[in-house]
Amino acid sequence: MNIAEGCGRNSDKDFAHFLDIALGSAHELEYCGLLGADLGFIKKENIDPLNSRVNEVKAKLINLIKAIRKQGSPL
């Protein structure tokens, strides 16, 4: 939802800000899974596929943020 909200903004700087927020949310999701496993609410083997996908999303977000910031920087 942060990505969608950022798309509606008027500048690349604003969009990158919302991508940063989305990245933070991905970190939170990863932590919640680990915490749930540590507390015994979720089986460890169920967390590994989730973390794998979350890490893919985080890598894509980081690359997108870098590309947008590079595009906006003066040459």
C-alpha atoms as a PDB file:
ATOM      1  CA  MET A   1       0.000   0.000   0.000  1.00  0.00           C
ATOM      2  CA  ASN A   2       2.928   2.335   0.643  1.00  0.00           C
ATOM      3  CA  ILE A   3       4.135   1.735  -2.901  1.00  0.00           C
ATOM      4  CA  ALA A   4       0.698   2.538  -4.315  1.00  0.00           C
ATOM      5  CA  GLU A   5       0.490   5.690  -2.215  1.00  0.00           C
ATOM      6  CA  GLY A   6       3.970   6.745  -3.330  1.00  0.00           C
ATOM      7  CA  CYS A   7       3.022   6.300  -6.983  1.00  0.00           C
ATOM      8  CA  GLY A   8       0.412   9.003  -6.525  1.00  0.00           C
ATOM      9  CA  ARG A   9       2.951  11.560  -5.349  1.00  0.00           C
ATOM     10  CA  ASN A  10       4.270  14.368  -7.495  1.00  0.00           C
ATOM     11  CA  SER A  11       8.001  13.776  -7.303  1.00  0.00           C
ATOM     12  CA  ASP A  12      10.532  10.963  -7.414  1.00  0.00           C
ATOM     13  CA  LYS A  13      11.803  12.120  -4.019  1.00  0.00           C
ATOM     14  CA  ASP A  14       8.345  11.566  -2.499  1.00  0.00           C
ATOM     15  CA  PHE A  15       8.006   8.210  -4.248  1.00  0.00           C
ATOM     16  CA  ALA A  16      11.406   7.081  -2.925  1.00  0.00           C
ATOM     17  CA  HIS A  17      10.316   8.105   0.569  1.00  0.00           C
ATOM     18  CA  PHE A  18       7.282   5.825   0.373  1.00  0.00           C
ATOM     19  CA  LEU A  19       9.464   3.028  -0.991  1.00  0.00           C
ATOM     20  CA  ASP A  20      11.655   3.475   2.086  1.00  0.00           C
ATOM     21  CA  ILE A  21       8.564   3.078   4.239  1.00  0.00           C
ATOM     22  CA  ALA A  22       7.606  -0.071   2.296  1.00  0.00           C
ATOM     23  CA  LEU A  23      11.109  -1.433   2.906  1.00  0.00           C
ATOM     24  CA  GLY A  24      10.682  -0.793   6.617  1.00  0.00           C
ATOM     25  CA  SER A  25       7.377  -2.658   6.521  1.00  0.00           C
ATOM     26  CA  ALA A  26       9.111  -5.610   4.848  1.00  0.00           C
ATOM     27  CA  HIS A  27      11.666  -5.630   7.668  1.00  0.00           C
ATOM     28  CA  GLU A  28       8.799  -5.618  10.179  1.00  0.00           C
ATOM     29  CA  LEU A  29       7.135  -8.554   8.427  1.00  0.00           C
ATOM     30  CA  GLU A  30      10.376 -10.504   8.527  1.00  0.00           C
ATOM     31  CA  TYR A  31      10.777  -9.798  12.243  1.00  0.00           C
ATOM     32  CA  CYS A  32       7.164 -10.736  13.015  1.00  0.00           C
ATOM     33  CA  GLY A  33       7.710 -14.118  11.403  1.00  0.00           C
ATOM     34  CA  LEU A  34      10.880 -14.723  13.393  1.00  0.00           C
ATOM     35  CA  LEU A  35       9.210 -13.600  16.606  1.00  0.00           C
ATOM     36  CA  GLY A  36       6.211 -15.826  15.933  1.00  0.00           C
ATOM     37  CA  ALA A  37       8.554 -18.789  15.478  1.00  0.00           C
ATOM     38  CA  ASP A  38      10.536 -17.934  18.617  1.00  0.00           C
ATOM     39  CA  LEU A  39       7.325 -17.746  20.621  1.00  0.00           C
ATOM     40  CA  GLY A  40       6.122 -21.061  19.215  1.00  0.00           C
ATOM     41  CA  PHE A  41       3.154 -19.683  17.280  1.00  0.00           C
ATOM     42  CA  ILE A  42       4.581 -20.638  13.879  1.00  0.00           C
ATOM     43  CA  LYS A  43       6.698 -23.619  12.882  1.00  0.00           C
ATOM     44  CA  LYS A  44      10.250 -22.712  11.843  1.00  0.00           C
ATOM     45  CA  GLU A  45       9.885 -24.587   8.551  1.00  0.00           C
ATOM     46  CA  ASN A  46       6.944 -22.331   7.660  1.00  0.00           C
ATOM     47  CA  ILE A  47       9.020 -19.180   8.246  1.00  0.00           C
ATOM     48  CA  ASP A  48      11.853 -20.033   5.855  1.00  0.00           C
ATOM     49  CA  PRO A  49       9.773 -19.756   2.632  1.00  0.00           C
ATOM     50  CA  LEU A  50       8.244 -16.504   3.914  1.00  0.00           C
ATOM     51  CA  ASN A  51      11.652 -15.015   4.684  1.00  0.00           C
ATOM     52  CA  SER A  52      12.923 -16.077   1.281  1.00  0.00           C
ATOM     53  CA  ARG A  53      10.121 -14.177  -0.449  1.00  0.00           C
ATOM     54  CA  VAL A  54      10.432 -11.187   1.867  1.00  0.00           C
ATOM     55  CA  ASN A  55      14.145 -10.994   1.086  1.00  0.00           C
ATOM     56  CA  GLU A  56      13.378 -11.036  -2.652  1.00  0.00           C
ATOM     57  CA  VAL A  57      10.944  -8.159  -2.203  1.00  0.00           C
ATOM     58  CA  LYS A  58      13.426  -6.219  -0.065  1.00  0.00           C
ATOM     59  CA  ALA A  59      16.150  -6.629  -2.706  1.00  0.00           C
ATOM     60  CA  LYS A  60      13.798  -5.400  -5.436  1.00  0.00           C
ATOM     61  CA  LEU A  61      12.736  -2.419  -3.334  1.00  0.00           C
ATOM     62  CA  ILE A  62      16.356  -1.504  -2.618  1.00  0.00           C
ATOM     63  CA  ASN A  63      17.216  -1.661  -6.323  1.00  0.00           C
ATOM     64  CA  LEU A  64      14.192   0.471  -7.222  1.00  0.00           C
ATOM     65  CA  ILE A  65      15.042   3.044  -4.549  1.00  0.00           C
ATOM     66  CA  LYS A  66      18.628   3.241  -5.798  1.00  0.00           C
ATOM     67  CA  ALA A  67      17.483   3.634  -9.417  1.00  0.00           C
ATOM     68  CA  ILE A  68      15.036   6.414  -8.567  1.00  0.00           C
ATOM     69  CA  ARG A  69      17.565   8.287  -6.457  1.00  0.00           C
ATOM     70  CA  LYS A  70      20.249   7.904  -9.120  1.00  0.00           C
ATOM     71  CA  GLN A  71      17.828   9.186 -11.772  1.00  0.00           C
ATOM     72  CA  GLY A  72      17.073  12.268  -9.649  1.00  0.00           C
ATOM     73  CA  SER A  73      20.666  13.132  -8.809  1.00  0.00           C
ATOM     74  CA  PRO A  74      22.445  15.805 -10.861  1.00  0.00           C
ATOM     75  CA  LEU A  75      25.028  14.575 -13.365  1.00  0.00           C
END
